[in-house]
């Protein structure tokens, strides 16, 4: 019986792709490890990882070359804080410009000490002595006061910041029929200024009127000078949060 001839041709290997696939997965894993490592700025850990990968994939020289070409990726929280700080800086600059414009518009009253323009963390404040705006014990605006407030409104009507108008009094009781206490008087004075701002083109939703009576003095109420200082209207332009 004839022997079957020996076939020494190489057999087909249908799973050779597994070798290439495994190499690809290994390289992909190494790539993501490197991306994760450079996303966290830590020079000590970064150097250790870089040296280890260099030894595994061709020596330290290759790892050093890759390290010099890849810039570290900053964490997301750092980018968010940087944008927030930049927005806060721009807002402070806008408020500083507004404070300068208001001071220039009210310069004669600022020089006489009847108006004070200040800037703080809340925003820009315009403090106006009540004698500039009202008769004693009244909440109706003088005609001259209307011109002053209209010039302020002209600067604010095209702005977008919220505005709080505060009425303040001294500690002397009023007890009139129209205003039974300083609470009613301070609130009425703040409302008079708000109404004028609205009539001058300031958007109504931006405005609020607050009466504080004598609860927030800026000077002692022990003498006429201090009482005059405490009778005031404060216009507060609030900085964006």
C-alpha atoms as a PDB file:
ATOM      1  CA  UNK A   1       0.000   0.000   0.000  1.00  0.00           C
ATOM      2  CA  UNK A   2       1.456   3.338  -1.099  1.00  0.00           C
ATOM      3  CA  UNK A   3       2.447   5.762   1.701  1.00  0.00           C
ATOM      4  CA  UNK A   4       0.765   9.148   1.667  1.00  0.00           C
ATOM      5  CA  UNK A   5       3.304  11.771   0.655  1.00  0.00           C
ATOM      6  CA  UNK A   6       4.507  14.075   3.529  1.00  0.00           C
ATOM      7  CA  UNK A   7       3.341  17.665   3.175  1.00  0.00           C
ATOM      8  CA  UNK A   8       6.022  19.901   4.643  1.00  0.00           C
ATOM      9  CA  UNK A   9       4.367  23.199   3.566  1.00  0.00           C
ATOM     10  CA  UNK A  10       3.678  25.584   6.468  1.00  0.00           C
ATOM     11  CA  UNK A  11       0.183  25.344   7.857  1.00  0.00           C
ATOM     12  CA  UNK A  12      -2.020  28.395   7.775  1.00  0.00           C
ATOM     13  CA  UNK A  13      -2.376  30.332  11.039  1.00  0.00           C
ATOM     14  CA  UNK A  14      -5.745  32.061  11.206  1.00  0.00           C
ATOM     15  CA  UNK A  15      -5.031  33.801  14.531  1.00  0.00           C
ATOM     16  CA  UNK A  16      -1.975  35.830  13.582  1.00  0.00           C
ATOM     17  CA  UNK A  17      -4.056  39.015  13.973  1.00  0.00           C
ATOM     18  CA  UNK A  18      -4.073  38.445  17.716  1.00  0.00           C
ATOM     19  CA  UNK A  19      -0.381  39.315  17.872  1.00  0.00           C
ATOM     20  CA  UNK A  20      -0.884  42.666  16.128  1.00  0.00           C
ATOM     21  CA  UNK A  21      -4.007  43.331  18.190  1.00  0.00           C
ATOM     22  CA  UNK A  22      -2.160  42.675  21.438  1.00  0.00           C
ATOM     23  CA  UNK A  23       0.643  45.046  20.400  1.00  0.00           C
ATOM     24  CA  UNK A  24      -1.898  47.724  19.544  1.00  0.00           C
ATOM     25  CA  UNK A  25      -3.692  47.356  22.893  1.00  0.00           C
ATOM     26  CA  UNK A  26      -0.370  47.598  24.746  1.00  0.00           C
ATOM     27  CA  UNK A  27       0.593  50.788  22.921  1.00  0.00           C
ATOM     28  CA  UNK A  28      -2.883  52.261  23.432  1.00  0.00           C
ATOM     29  CA  UNK A  29      -2.676  51.554  27.173  1.00  0.00           C
ATOM     30  CA  UNK A  30       0.730  53.201  27.343  1.00  0.00           C
ATOM     31  CA  UNK A  31      -0.622  56.251  25.484  1.00  0.00           C
ATOM     32  CA  UNK A  32      -3.491  56.781  27.942  1.00  0.00           C
ATOM     33  CA  UNK A  33      -1.171  56.305  30.897  1.00  0.00           C
ATOM     34  CA  UNK A  34       1.043  59.081  29.531  1.00  0.00           C
ATOM     35  CA  UNK A  35      -1.973  61.366  28.886  1.00  0.00           C
ATOM     36  CA  UNK A  36      -3.221  60.848  32.445  1.00  0.00           C
ATOM     37  CA  UNK A  37       0.205  61.493  33.880  1.00  0.00           C
ATOM     38  CA  UNK A  38       0.763  64.788  32.070  1.00  0.00           C
ATOM     39  CA  UNK A  39      -2.706  66.049  33.043  1.00  0.00           C
ATOM     40  CA  UNK A  40      -1.498  66.358  36.639  1.00  0.00           C
ATOM     41  CA  UNK A  41       1.348  68.832  37.109  1.00  0.00           C
ATOM     42  CA  UNK A  42       3.690  67.013  39.472  1.00  0.00           C
ATOM     43  CA  UNK A  43       7.297  67.153  38.349  1.00  0.00           C
ATOM     44  CA  UNK A  44       8.532  64.370  40.628  1.00  0.00           C
ATOM     45  CA  UNK A  45       5.928  61.796  39.621  1.00  0.00           C
ATOM     46  CA  UNK A  46       6.095  62.909  35.997  1.00  0.00           C
ATOM     47  CA  UNK A  47       9.850  62.287  35.817  1.00  0.00           C
ATOM     48  CA  UNK A  48       9.553  58.852  37.428  1.00  0.00           C
ATOM     49  CA  UNK A  49       6.832  57.807  34.990  1.00  0.00           C
ATOM     50  CA  UNK A  50       8.716  59.258  32.035  1.00  0.00           C
ATOM     51  CA  UNK A  51      11.902  57.359  32.929  1.00  0.00           C
ATOM     52  CA  UNK A  52       9.981  54.112  33.426  1.00  0.00           C
ATOM     53  CA  UNK A  53       8.251  54.402  30.054  1.00  0.00           C
ATOM     54  CA  UNK A  54      11.547  55.323  28.431  1.00  0.00           C
ATOM     55  CA  UNK A  55      13.178  52.161  29.752  1.00  0.00           C
ATOM     56  CA  UNK A  56      10.260  50.021  28.563  1.00  0.00           C
ATOM     57  CA  UNK A  57       9.956  51.531  25.076  1.00  0.00           C
ATOM     58  CA  UNK A  58      13.475  52.180  23.873  1.00  0.00           C
ATOM     59  CA  UNK A  59      15.607  53.831  26.512  1.00  0.00           C
ATOM     60  CA  UNK A  60      15.674  57.084  28.470  1.00  0.00           C
ATOM     61  CA  UNK A  61      16.669  59.138  25.450  1.00  0.00           C
ATOM     62  CA  UNK A  62      13.400  58.412  23.656  1.00  0.00           C
ATOM     63  CA  UNK A  63      11.340  59.198  26.750  1.00  0.00           C
ATOM     64  CA  UNK A  64      13.184  62.496  27.242  1.00  0.00           C
ATOM     65  CA  UNK A  65      12.512  63.503  23.652  1.00  0.00           C
ATOM     66  CA  UNK A  66       8.784  62.825  23.997  1.00  0.00           C
ATOM     67  CA  UNK A  67       8.716  64.702  27.304  1.00  0.00           C
ATOM     68  CA  UNK A  68      10.260  67.799  25.711  1.00  0.00           C
ATOM     69  CA  UNK A  69       7.628  67.891  22.971  1.00  0.00           C
ATOM     70  CA  UNK A  70       4.477  67.444  25.078  1.00  0.00           C
ATOM     71  CA  UNK A  71       3.209  70.369  27.137  1.00  0.00           C
ATOM     72  CA  UNK A  72       1.500  69.489  30.441  1.00  0.00           C
ATOM     73  CA  UNK A  73      -2.299  69.742  30.339  1.00  0.00           C
ATOM     74  CA  UNK A  74      -3.619  71.892  33.187  1.00  0.00           C
ATOM     75  CA  UNK A  75      -6.410  70.454  35.370  1.00  0.00           C
ATOM     76  CA  UNK A  76      -9.954  71.613  34.543  1.00  0.00           C
ATOM     77  CA  UNK A  77     -10.385  73.258  37.956  1.00  0.00           C
ATOM     78  CA  UNK A  78      -7.367  75.477  37.256  1.00  0.00           C
ATOM     79  CA  UNK A  79      -8.865  76.633  33.940  1.00  0.00           C
ATOM     80  CA  UNK A  80     -12.225  77.366  35.583  1.00  0.00           C
ATOM     81  CA  UNK A  81     -10.565  79.415  38.334  1.00  0.00           C
ATOM     82  CA  UNK A  82      -8.504  81.328  35.792  1.00  0.00           C
ATOM     83  CA  UNK A  83     -11.638  82.260  33.812  1.00  0.00           C
ATOM     84  CA  UNK A  84     -13.446  83.266  37.002  1.00  0.00           C
ATOM     85  CA  UNK A  85     -10.549  85.460  38.110  1.00  0.00           C
ATOM     86  CA  UNK A  86     -10.355  87.079  34.684  1.00  0.00           C
ATOM     87  CA  UNK A  87     -14.101  87.838  34.752  1.00  0.00           C
ATOM     88  CA  UNK A  88     -13.759  89.357  38.245  1.00  0.00           C
ATOM     89  CA  UNK A  89     -10.859  91.527  37.075  1.00  0.00           C
ATOM     90  CA  UNK A  90     -12.864  92.846  34.117  1.00  0.00           C
ATOM     91  CA  UNK A  91     -15.825  93.576  36.399  1.00  0.00           C
ATOM     92  CA  UNK A  92     -13.625  95.595  38.788  1.00  0.00           C
ATOM     93  CA  UNK A  93     -12.337  97.609  35.840  1.00  0.00           C
ATOM     94  CA  UNK A  94     -15.903  98.344  34.645  1.00  0.00           C
ATOM     95  CA  UNK A  95     -16.918  99.473  38.121  1.00  0.00           C
ATOM     96  CA  UNK A  96     -13.818 101.676  38.403  1.00  0.00           C
ATOM     97  CA  UNK A  97     -14.728 103.402  35.124  1.00  0.00           C
ATOM     98  CA  UNK A  98     -18.298 103.926  36.374  1.00  0.00           C
ATOM     99  CA  UNK A  99     -17.013 105.415  39.644  1.00  0.00           C
ATOM    100  CA  UNK A 100     -14.786 107.863  37.735  1.00  0.00           C
ATOM    101  CA  UNK A 101     -17.665 108.921  35.478  1.00  0.00           C
ATOM    102  CA  UNK A 102     -19.983 109.498  38.431  1.00  0.00           C
ATOM    103  CA  UNK A 103     -17.336 111.501  40.293  1.00  0.00           C
ATOM    104  CA  UNK A 104     -16.765 113.685  37.225  1.00  0.00           C
ATOM    105  CA  UNK A 105     -20.509 114.265  36.732  1.00  0.00           C
ATOM    106  CA  UNK A 106     -21.038 115.198  40.394  1.00  0.00           C
ATOM    107  CA  UNK A 107     -17.720 117.014  40.816  1.00  0.00           C
ATOM    108  CA  UNK A 108     -19.061 120.295  42.307  1.00  0.00           C
ATOM    109  CA  UNK A 109     -21.052 118.414  44.953  1.00  0.00           C
ATOM    110  CA  UNK A 110     -18.139 116.063  45.593  1.00  0.00           C
ATOM    111  CA  UNK A 111     -15.829 119.019  46.202  1.00  0.00           C
ATOM    112  CA  UNK A 112     -18.308 120.605  48.623  1.00  0.00           C
ATOM    113  CA  UNK A 113     -18.578 117.333  50.581  1.00  0.00           C
ATOM    114  CA  UNK A 114     -22.290 116.893  49.886  1.00  0.00           C
ATOM    115  CA  UNK A 115     -21.751 113.825  47.672  1.00  0.00           C
ATOM    116  CA  UNK A 116     -19.342 110.920  48.170  1.00  0.00           C
ATOM    117  CA  UNK A 117     -18.526 108.349  45.488  1.00  0.00           C
ATOM    118  CA  UNK A 118     -16.915 105.155  46.730  1.00  0.00           C
ATOM    119  CA  UNK A 119     -16.037 101.715  45.380  1.00  0.00           C
ATOM    120  CA  UNK A 120     -15.858  98.497  47.381  1.00  0.00           C
ATOM    121  CA  UNK A 121     -16.482  94.764  47.010  1.00  0.00           C
ATOM    122  CA  UNK A 122     -20.251  95.319  46.650  1.00  0.00           C
ATOM    123  CA  UNK A 123     -19.876  97.826  43.831  1.00  0.00           C
ATOM    124  CA  UNK A 124     -20.011 101.618  43.483  1.00  0.00           C
ATOM    125  CA  UNK A 125     -21.819 103.782  46.030  1.00  0.00           C
ATOM    126  CA  UNK A 126     -23.063 107.360  45.586  1.00  0.00           C
ATOM    127  CA  UNK A 127     -23.941 108.916  48.945  1.00  0.00           C
ATOM    128  CA  UNK A 128     -25.931 112.162  48.696  1.00  0.00           C
ATOM    129  CA  UNK A 129     -26.678 114.381  51.664  1.00  0.00           C
ATOM    130  CA  UNK A 130     -30.431 114.644  52.202  1.00  0.00           C
ATOM    131  CA  UNK A 131     -30.258 118.460  52.333  1.00  0.00           C
ATOM    132  CA  UNK A 132     -29.296 118.419  48.627  1.00  0.00           C
ATOM    133  CA  UNK A 133     -32.437 116.489  47.735  1.00  0.00           C
ATOM    134  CA  UNK A 134     -35.234 117.261  50.235  1.00  0.00           C
ATOM    135  CA  UNK A 135     -36.636 119.806  52.649  1.00  0.00           C
ATOM    136  CA  UNK A 136     -36.398 118.770  56.281  1.00  0.00           C
ATOM    137  CA  UNK A 137     -38.927 116.057  57.117  1.00  0.00           C
ATOM    138  CA  UNK A 138     -40.107 115.804  53.483  1.00  0.00           C
ATOM    139  CA  UNK A 139     -39.678 113.270  50.657  1.00  0.00           C
ATOM    140  CA  UNK A 140     -40.472 115.456  47.636  1.00  0.00           C
ATOM    141  CA  UNK A 141     -37.374 116.185  45.539  1.00  0.00           C
ATOM    142  CA  UNK A 142     -36.118 119.752  44.985  1.00  0.00           C
ATOM    143  CA  UNK A 143     -36.064 120.935  41.382  1.00  0.00           C
ATOM    144  CA  UNK A 144     -32.254 121.281  41.574  1.00  0.00           C
ATOM    145  CA  UNK A 145     -32.055 117.781  43.041  1.00  0.00           C
ATOM    146  CA  UNK A 146     -33.926 116.393  40.075  1.00  0.00           C
ATOM    147  CA  UNK A 147     -31.256 117.743  37.731  1.00  0.00           C
ATOM    148  CA  UNK A 148     -28.515 116.130  39.805  1.00  0.00           C
ATOM    149  CA  UNK A 149     -30.256 112.757  39.892  1.00  0.00           C
ATOM    150  CA  UNK A 150     -31.111 112.915  36.187  1.00  0.00           C
ATOM    151  CA  UNK A 151     -27.419 113.294  35.393  1.00  0.00           C
ATOM    152  CA  UNK A 152     -26.729 110.175  37.493  1.00  0.00           C
ATOM    153  CA  UNK A 153     -29.546 108.331  35.756  1.00  0.00           C
ATOM    154  CA  UNK A 154     -28.051 109.289  32.385  1.00  0.00           C
ATOM    155  CA  UNK A 155     -24.932 107.315  33.268  1.00  0.00           C
ATOM    156  CA  UNK A 156     -26.870 104.354  34.620  1.00  0.00           C
ATOM    157  CA  UNK A 157     -29.696 103.847  32.135  1.00  0.00           C
ATOM    158  CA  UNK A 158     -27.546 102.038  29.549  1.00  0.00           C
ATOM    159  CA  UNK A 159     -25.817  99.968  32.218  1.00  0.00           C
ATOM    160  CA  UNK A 160     -26.959  96.484  33.294  1.00  0.00           C
ATOM    161  CA  UNK A 161     -26.058  96.370  37.003  1.00  0.00           C
ATOM    162  CA  UNK A 162     -28.700  96.212  39.725  1.00  0.00           C
ATOM    163  CA  UNK A 163     -29.246  99.406  41.733  1.00  0.00           C
ATOM    164  CA  UNK A 164     -30.294  99.706  45.369  1.00  0.00           C
ATOM    165  CA  UNK A 165     -31.461 103.103  46.607  1.00  0.00           C
ATOM    166  CA  UNK A 166     -31.231 103.441  50.391  1.00  0.00           C
ATOM    167  CA  UNK A 167     -32.910 106.075  52.540  1.00  0.00           C
ATOM    168  CA  UNK A 168     -31.272 106.984  55.886  1.00  0.00           C
ATOM    169  CA  UNK A 169     -32.223 109.430  58.646  1.00  0.00           C
ATOM    170  CA  UNK A 170     -30.809 110.666  61.943  1.00  0.00           C
ATOM    171  CA  UNK A 171     -32.152 109.443  65.273  1.00  0.00           C
ATOM    172  CA  UNK A 172     -34.458 112.407  65.933  1.00  0.00           C
ATOM    173  CA  UNK A 173     -38.112 111.266  65.929  1.00  0.00           C
ATOM    174  CA  UNK A 174     -40.300 112.850  63.267  1.00  0.00           C
ATOM    175  CA  UNK A 175     -43.862 111.921  64.259  1.00  0.00           C
ATOM    176  CA  UNK A 176     -45.633 113.891  61.519  1.00  0.00           C
ATOM    177  CA  UNK A 177     -49.050 112.975  60.173  1.00  0.00           C
ATOM    178  CA  UNK A 178     -47.590 112.038  56.789  1.00  0.00           C
ATOM    179  CA  UNK A 179     -44.593 110.152  58.204  1.00  0.00           C
ATOM    180  CA  UNK A 180     -45.299 108.664  61.639  1.00  0.00           C
ATOM    181  CA  UNK A 181     -41.665 107.559  62.039  1.00  0.00           C
ATOM    182  CA  UNK A 182     -38.275 107.716  60.351  1.00  0.00           C
ATOM    183  CA  UNK A 183     -39.021 104.346  58.757  1.00  0.00           C
ATOM    184  CA  UNK A 184     -41.751 105.823  56.575  1.00  0.00           C
ATOM    185  CA  UNK A 185     -39.659 108.914  55.802  1.00  0.00           C
ATOM    186  CA  UNK A 186     -36.541 106.966  54.771  1.00  0.00           C
ATOM    187  CA  UNK A 187     -38.550 104.565  52.602  1.00  0.00           C
ATOM    188  CA  UNK A 188     -40.455 107.440  50.945  1.00  0.00           C
ATOM    189  CA  UNK A 189     -37.209 109.268  50.125  1.00  0.00           C
ATOM    190  CA  UNK A 190     -35.685 106.150  48.568  1.00  0.00           C
ATOM    191  CA  UNK A 191     -38.867 105.618  46.550  1.00  0.00           C
ATOM    192  CA  UNK A 192     -38.777 109.208  45.266  1.00  0.00           C
ATOM    193  CA  UNK A 193     -35.281 108.671  43.862  1.00  0.00           C
ATOM    194  CA  UNK A 194     -36.309 105.340  42.308  1.00  0.00           C
ATOM    195  CA  UNK A 195     -39.298 106.945  40.609  1.00  0.00           C
ATOM    196  CA  UNK A 196     -37.086 109.656  39.131  1.00  0.00           C
ATOM    197  CA  UNK A 197     -34.635 107.046  37.829  1.00  0.00           C
ATOM    198  CA  UNK A 198     -37.482 105.157  36.163  1.00  0.00           C
ATOM    199  CA  UNK A 199     -38.779 108.365  34.568  1.00  0.00           C
ATOM    200  CA  UNK A 200     -35.225 109.040  33.337  1.00  0.00           C
ATOM    201  CA  UNK A 201     -34.956 105.724  31.482  1.00  0.00           C
ATOM    202  CA  UNK A 202     -33.436 103.326  34.014  1.00  0.00           C
ATOM    203  CA  UNK A 203     -35.027  99.876  33.646  1.00  0.00           C
ATOM    204  CA  UNK A 204     -37.479  99.279  36.486  1.00  0.00           C
ATOM    205  CA  UNK A 205     -36.472  95.623  37.204  1.00  0.00           C
ATOM    206  CA  UNK A 206     -32.941  96.801  38.049  1.00  0.00           C
ATOM    207  CA  UNK A 207     -34.136  99.076  40.866  1.00  0.00           C
ATOM    208  CA  UNK A 208     -35.097  98.582  44.478  1.00  0.00           C
ATOM    209  CA  UNK A 209     -35.897 101.081  47.273  1.00  0.00           C
ATOM    210  CA  UNK A 210     -34.932 100.392  50.884  1.00  0.00           C
ATOM    211  CA  UNK A 211     -35.630 102.443  54.030  1.00  0.00           C
ATOM    212  CA  UNK A 212     -33.198 102.004  56.928  1.00  0.00           C
ATOM    213  CA  UNK A 213     -34.385 104.883  59.164  1.00  0.00           C
ATOM    214  CA  UNK A 214     -31.614 105.605  61.718  1.00  0.00           C
ATOM    215  CA  UNK A 215     -30.316 102.028  62.010  1.00  0.00           C
ATOM    216  CA  UNK A 216     -27.146 102.512  59.934  1.00  0.00           C
ATOM    217  CA  UNK A 217     -25.465 105.771  60.969  1.00  0.00           C
ATOM    218  CA  UNK A 218     -22.126 106.763  59.459  1.00  0.00           C
ATOM    219  CA  UNK A 219     -21.414 109.356  62.156  1.00  0.00           C
ATOM    220  CA  UNK A 220     -22.405 109.813  65.823  1.00  0.00           C
ATOM    221  CA  UNK A 221     -25.862 111.316  66.335  1.00  0.00           C
ATOM    222  CA  UNK A 222     -24.574 113.314  69.299  1.00  0.00           C
ATOM    223  CA  UNK A 223     -24.219 116.665  67.502  1.00  0.00           C
ATOM    224  CA  UNK A 224     -25.833 118.499  64.559  1.00  0.00           C
ATOM    225  CA  UNK A 225     -22.899 117.781  62.244  1.00  0.00           C
ATOM    226  CA  UNK A 226     -23.218 114.031  62.794  1.00  0.00           C
ATOM    227  CA  UNK A 227     -26.995 114.131  62.398  1.00  0.00           C
ATOM    228  CA  UNK A 228     -26.625 116.034  59.120  1.00  0.00           C
ATOM    229  CA  UNK A 229     -24.148 113.428  57.913  1.00  0.00           C
ATOM    230  CA  UNK A 230     -26.570 110.604  58.716  1.00  0.00           C
ATOM    231  CA  UNK A 231     -29.481 112.158  56.817  1.00  0.00           C
ATOM    232  CA  UNK A 232     -28.649 110.843  53.360  1.00  0.00           C
ATOM    233  CA  UNK A 233     -29.661 108.795  50.311  1.00  0.00           C
ATOM    234  CA  UNK A 234     -27.224 106.156  49.080  1.00  0.00           C
ATOM    235  CA  UNK A 235     -27.377 104.859  45.501  1.00  0.00           C
ATOM    236  CA  UNK A 236     -25.567 101.505  45.350  1.00  0.00           C
ATOM    237  CA  UNK A 237     -24.664 100.087  41.930  1.00  0.00           C
ATOM    238  CA  UNK A 238     -24.065  96.405  42.641  1.00  0.00           C
ATOM    239  CA  UNK A 239     -21.186  94.579  41.007  1.00  0.00           C
ATOM    240  CA  UNK A 240     -22.019  91.399  39.088  1.00  0.00           C
ATOM    241  CA  UNK A 241     -21.570  88.283  41.253  1.00  0.00           C
END
